[in-house]
Amino acid sequence: MKTVRWAVLGGALFASLAAFPWDGAGTDDQALGAIEQLRPGYAPWRSPLFEPSDNAEKLLFVLQAATGGTILGWIIGRRRKA
């Protein structure tokens, strides 16, 4: 059980450290570029409800990854007990 906890903690730490120095374009930006290249003058038919700043977006992504890793670790730990 301790091994799973350390693995989850290490994965969450790695995800948080790996997300912050990243300076590239996200998949949303890449998709928008591809759409503009294929169909010049394209206008989206709706806008996002919430658009966080770059730092907040990275933090939300890290929290999402940590939450998923924690849930996955909990499930694996429960299965090993059974």
N, C-alpha and C. Protein backbone atom coordinates (compact mmCIF):
# COMPACT_ATOMS: atom_id res chain seq x y z
N MET A 1 0.83 -1.19 0.00
CA MET A 1 0.00 0.00 0.00
C MET A 1 0.87 1.26 0.00
N LYS A 2 1.98 1.21 0.75
CA LYS A 2 2.87 2.37 0.78
C LYS A 2 3.48 2.62 -0.59
N THR A 3 3.75 1.55 -1.33
CA THR A 3 4.33 1.71 -2.67
C THR A 3 3.37 2.44 -3.59
N VAL A 4 2.10 2.11 -3.51
CA VAL A 4 1.09 2.77 -4.34
C VAL A 4 0.99 4.24 -3.97
N ARG A 5 1.01 4.53 -2.68
CA ARG A 5 0.94 5.93 -2.24
C ARG A 5 2.12 6.73 -2.76
N TRP A 6 3.32 6.16 -2.66
CA TRP A 6 4.50 6.86 -3.15
C TRP A 6 4.47 7.01 -4.67
N ALA A 7 3.96 6.01 -5.36
CA ALA A 7 3.86 6.09 -6.81
C ALA A 7 2.89 7.19 -7.23
N VAL A 8 1.76 7.26 -6.56
CA VAL A 8 0.77 8.30 -6.86
C VAL A 8 1.34 9.68 -6.53
N LEU A 9 1.99 9.80 -5.39
CA LEU A 9 2.59 11.08 -5.00
C LEU A 9 3.68 11.48 -5.99
N GLY A 10 4.50 10.53 -6.38
CA GLY A 10 5.55 10.82 -7.36
C GLY A 10 4.98 11.20 -8.71
N GLY A 11 3.92 10.53 -9.13
CA GLY A 11 3.29 10.87 -10.41
C GLY A 11 2.67 12.25 -10.39
N ALA A 12 2.02 12.60 -9.27
CA ALA A 12 1.43 13.93 -9.16
C ALA A 12 2.51 15.01 -9.13
N LEU A 13 3.60 14.75 -8.43
CA LEU A 13 4.70 15.70 -8.39
C LEU A 13 5.33 15.86 -9.77
N PHE A 14 5.53 14.75 -10.47
CA PHE A 14 6.10 14.83 -11.81
C PHE A 14 5.18 15.61 -12.75
N ALA A 15 3.88 15.36 -12.67
CA ALA A 15 2.93 16.06 -13.54
C ALA A 15 2.93 17.56 -13.24
N SER A 16 3.03 17.92 -11.97
CA SER A 16 3.01 19.34 -11.64
C SER A 16 4.30 20.02 -12.08
N LEU A 17 5.42 19.35 -11.94
CA LEU A 17 6.68 19.96 -12.36
C LEU A 17 6.82 19.99 -13.87
N ALA A 18 6.30 18.98 -14.54
CA ALA A 18 6.42 18.92 -16.00
C ALA A 18 5.51 19.93 -16.69
N ALA A 19 4.44 20.34 -16.06
CA ALA A 19 3.48 21.24 -16.71
C ALA A 19 3.93 22.69 -16.70
N PHE A 20 4.66 23.13 -15.70
CA PHE A 20 4.94 24.55 -15.58
C PHE A 20 5.98 25.10 -16.54
N PRO A 21 7.10 24.41 -16.81
CA PRO A 21 8.05 25.03 -17.74
C PRO A 21 7.63 24.92 -19.21
N TRP A 22 6.53 24.27 -19.48
CA TRP A 22 6.07 24.06 -20.85
C TRP A 22 5.64 25.38 -21.46
N ASP A 23 6.13 25.67 -22.66
CA ASP A 23 5.84 26.96 -23.28
C ASP A 23 5.26 26.80 -24.69
N GLY A 24 4.92 25.59 -25.09
CA GLY A 24 4.42 25.35 -26.44
C GLY A 24 2.94 25.61 -26.58
N ALA A 25 2.46 25.48 -27.79
CA ALA A 25 1.03 25.67 -28.06
C ALA A 25 0.28 24.40 -27.70
N GLY A 26 -0.88 24.56 -27.12
CA GLY A 26 -1.71 23.42 -26.75
C GLY A 26 -2.43 22.85 -27.96
N THR A 27 -3.10 21.74 -27.77
CA THR A 27 -3.79 21.10 -28.88
C THR A 27 -4.94 21.96 -29.40
N ASP A 28 -5.56 22.73 -28.51
CA ASP A 28 -6.63 23.62 -28.97
C ASP A 28 -6.08 24.66 -29.94
N ASP A 29 -4.93 25.23 -29.60
CA ASP A 29 -4.31 26.22 -30.48
C ASP A 29 -3.87 25.59 -31.80
N GLN A 30 -3.34 24.39 -31.73
CA GLN A 30 -2.91 23.70 -32.94
C GLN A 30 -4.10 23.37 -33.84
N ALA A 31 -5.21 22.95 -33.23
CA ALA A 31 -6.41 22.64 -34.01
C ALA A 31 -6.95 23.90 -34.67
N LEU A 32 -6.96 25.01 -33.95
CA LEU A 32 -7.43 26.26 -34.52
C LEU A 32 -6.56 26.68 -35.70
N GLY A 33 -5.25 26.50 -35.57
CA GLY A 33 -4.35 26.81 -36.67
C GLY A 33 -4.61 25.94 -37.88
N ALA A 34 -4.87 24.64 -37.66
CA ALA A 34 -5.15 23.73 -38.77
C ALA A 34 -6.47 24.09 -39.45
N ILE A 35 -7.49 24.46 -38.66
CA ILE A 35 -8.78 24.86 -39.23
C ILE A 35 -8.63 26.12 -40.06
N GLU A 36 -7.89 27.09 -39.55
CA GLU A 36 -7.68 28.34 -40.29
C GLU A 36 -6.91 28.10 -41.57
N GLN A 37 -6.02 27.13 -41.55
CA GLN A 37 -5.25 26.80 -42.75
C GLN A 37 -6.14 26.10 -43.79
N LEU A 38 -7.03 25.22 -43.34
CA LEU A 38 -7.89 24.49 -44.26
C LEU A 38 -9.07 25.33 -44.75
N ARG A 39 -9.61 26.17 -43.87
CA ARG A 39 -10.76 27.01 -44.22
C ARG A 39 -10.51 28.46 -43.79
N PRO A 40 -9.85 29.22 -44.62
CA PRO A 40 -9.59 30.62 -44.25
C PRO A 40 -10.92 31.37 -44.06
N GLY A 41 -10.96 32.22 -43.05
CA GLY A 41 -12.17 32.99 -42.77
C GLY A 41 -13.17 32.27 -41.90
N TYR A 42 -12.81 31.10 -41.39
CA TYR A 42 -13.73 30.35 -40.54
C TYR A 42 -13.96 31.11 -39.24
N ALA A 43 -15.19 31.18 -38.79
CA ALA A 43 -15.53 31.82 -37.52
C ALA A 43 -16.25 30.80 -36.64
N PRO A 44 -15.75 30.58 -35.42
CA PRO A 44 -16.42 29.64 -34.52
C PRO A 44 -17.85 30.08 -34.25
N TRP A 45 -18.77 29.15 -34.07
CA TRP A 45 -20.17 29.49 -33.86
C TRP A 45 -20.50 29.71 -32.40
N ARG A 46 -19.56 29.47 -31.50
CA ARG A 46 -19.78 29.79 -30.10
C ARG A 46 -18.44 30.08 -29.43
N SER A 47 -18.49 30.75 -28.30
CA SER A 47 -17.27 31.08 -27.58
C SER A 47 -17.25 30.31 -26.26
N PRO A 48 -16.05 30.14 -25.66
CA PRO A 48 -15.97 29.40 -24.41
C PRO A 48 -16.69 30.12 -23.28
N LEU A 49 -17.24 29.34 -22.34
CA LEU A 49 -17.91 29.92 -21.19
C LEU A 49 -16.91 30.51 -20.20
N PHE A 50 -15.75 29.87 -20.08
CA PHE A 50 -14.72 30.27 -19.14
C PHE A 50 -13.37 30.09 -19.79
N GLU A 51 -12.56 31.12 -19.81
CA GLU A 51 -11.23 31.03 -20.41
C GLU A 51 -10.20 31.48 -19.39
N PRO A 52 -9.54 30.54 -18.70
CA PRO A 52 -8.58 30.91 -17.67
C PRO A 52 -7.29 31.46 -18.27
N SER A 53 -6.51 32.13 -17.44
CA SER A 53 -5.20 32.61 -17.89
C SER A 53 -4.29 31.41 -18.12
N ASP A 54 -3.13 31.65 -18.71
CA ASP A 54 -2.22 30.54 -19.01
C ASP A 54 -1.78 29.81 -17.75
N ASN A 55 -1.42 30.55 -16.71
CA ASN A 55 -0.99 29.90 -15.47
C ASN A 55 -2.13 29.14 -14.80
N ALA A 56 -3.32 29.72 -14.80
CA ALA A 56 -4.47 29.03 -14.21
C ALA A 56 -4.81 27.79 -15.01
N GLU A 57 -4.66 27.85 -16.32
CA GLU A 57 -4.94 26.68 -17.16
C GLU A 57 -3.97 25.55 -16.85
N LYS A 58 -2.70 25.88 -16.67
CA LYS A 58 -1.71 24.86 -16.32
C LYS A 58 -2.01 24.26 -14.96
N LEU A 59 -2.38 25.11 -14.00
CA LEU A 59 -2.71 24.63 -12.67
C LEU A 59 -3.92 23.71 -12.70
N LEU A 60 -4.94 24.07 -13.47
CA LEU A 60 -6.12 23.22 -13.59
C LEU A 60 -5.78 21.88 -14.22
N PHE A 61 -4.88 21.89 -15.20
CA PHE A 61 -4.45 20.64 -15.84
C PHE A 61 -3.71 19.76 -14.84
N VAL A 62 -2.84 20.36 -14.04
CA VAL A 62 -2.10 19.59 -13.04
C VAL A 62 -3.05 19.01 -12.00
N LEU A 63 -4.02 19.80 -11.56
CA LEU A 63 -5.00 19.29 -10.60
C LEU A 63 -5.81 18.14 -11.19
N GLN A 64 -6.16 18.26 -12.46
CA GLN A 64 -6.89 17.18 -13.13
C GLN A 64 -6.05 15.92 -13.18
N ALA A 65 -4.77 16.06 -13.54
CA ALA A 65 -3.89 14.89 -13.61
C ALA A 65 -3.68 14.28 -12.24
N ALA A 66 -3.50 15.12 -11.22
CA ALA A 66 -3.30 14.59 -9.86
C ALA A 66 -4.55 13.89 -9.36
N THR A 67 -5.72 14.43 -9.65
CA THR A 67 -6.96 13.80 -9.24
C THR A 67 -7.13 12.45 -9.93
N GLY A 68 -6.88 12.41 -11.21
CA GLY A 68 -6.97 11.15 -11.95
C GLY A 68 -5.98 10.12 -11.45
N GLY A 69 -4.75 10.56 -11.16
CA GLY A 69 -3.74 9.65 -10.62
C GLY A 69 -4.10 9.13 -9.25
N THR A 70 -4.68 9.99 -8.43
CA THR A 70 -5.10 9.57 -7.09
C THR A 70 -6.22 8.54 -7.18
N ILE A 71 -7.19 8.79 -8.02
CA ILE A 71 -8.30 7.85 -8.19
C ILE A 71 -7.79 6.52 -8.75
N LEU A 72 -6.92 6.59 -9.74
CA LEU A 72 -6.37 5.37 -10.32
C LEU A 72 -5.56 4.60 -9.28
N GLY A 73 -4.75 5.31 -8.48
CA GLY A 73 -3.99 4.65 -7.43
C GLY A 73 -4.88 4.02 -6.38
N TRP A 74 -5.96 4.70 -6.03
CA TRP A 74 -6.90 4.16 -5.05
C TRP A 74 -7.55 2.88 -5.58
N ILE A 75 -7.94 2.89 -6.86
CA ILE A 75 -8.56 1.71 -7.46
C ILE A 75 -7.58 0.55 -7.50
N ILE A 76 -6.35 0.82 -7.89
CA ILE A 76 -5.33 -0.25 -7.94
C ILE A 76 -5.08 -0.79 -6.54
N GLY A 77 -5.00 0.11 -5.56
CA GLY A 77 -4.80 -0.34 -4.18
C GLY A 77 -5.95 -1.18 -3.67
N ARG A 78 -7.17 -0.81 -4.00
CA ARG A 78 -8.33 -1.59 -3.58
C ARG A 78 -8.35 -2.97 -4.23
N ARG A 79 -7.95 -3.04 -5.48
CA ARG A 79 -7.93 -4.33 -6.19
C ARG A 79 -6.87 -5.26 -5.63
N ARG A 80 -5.75 -4.71 -5.19
CA ARG A 80 -4.68 -5.55 -4.64
C ARG A 80 -5.05 -6.10 -3.28
N LYS A 81 -5.87 -5.37 -2.54
CA LYS A 81 -6.31 -5.86 -1.23
C LYS A 81 -7.26 -7.04 -1.37
N ALA A 82 -8.06 -7.04 -2.43
CA ALA A 82 -9.09 -8.07 -2.60
C ALA A 82 -8.52 -9.40 -3.03
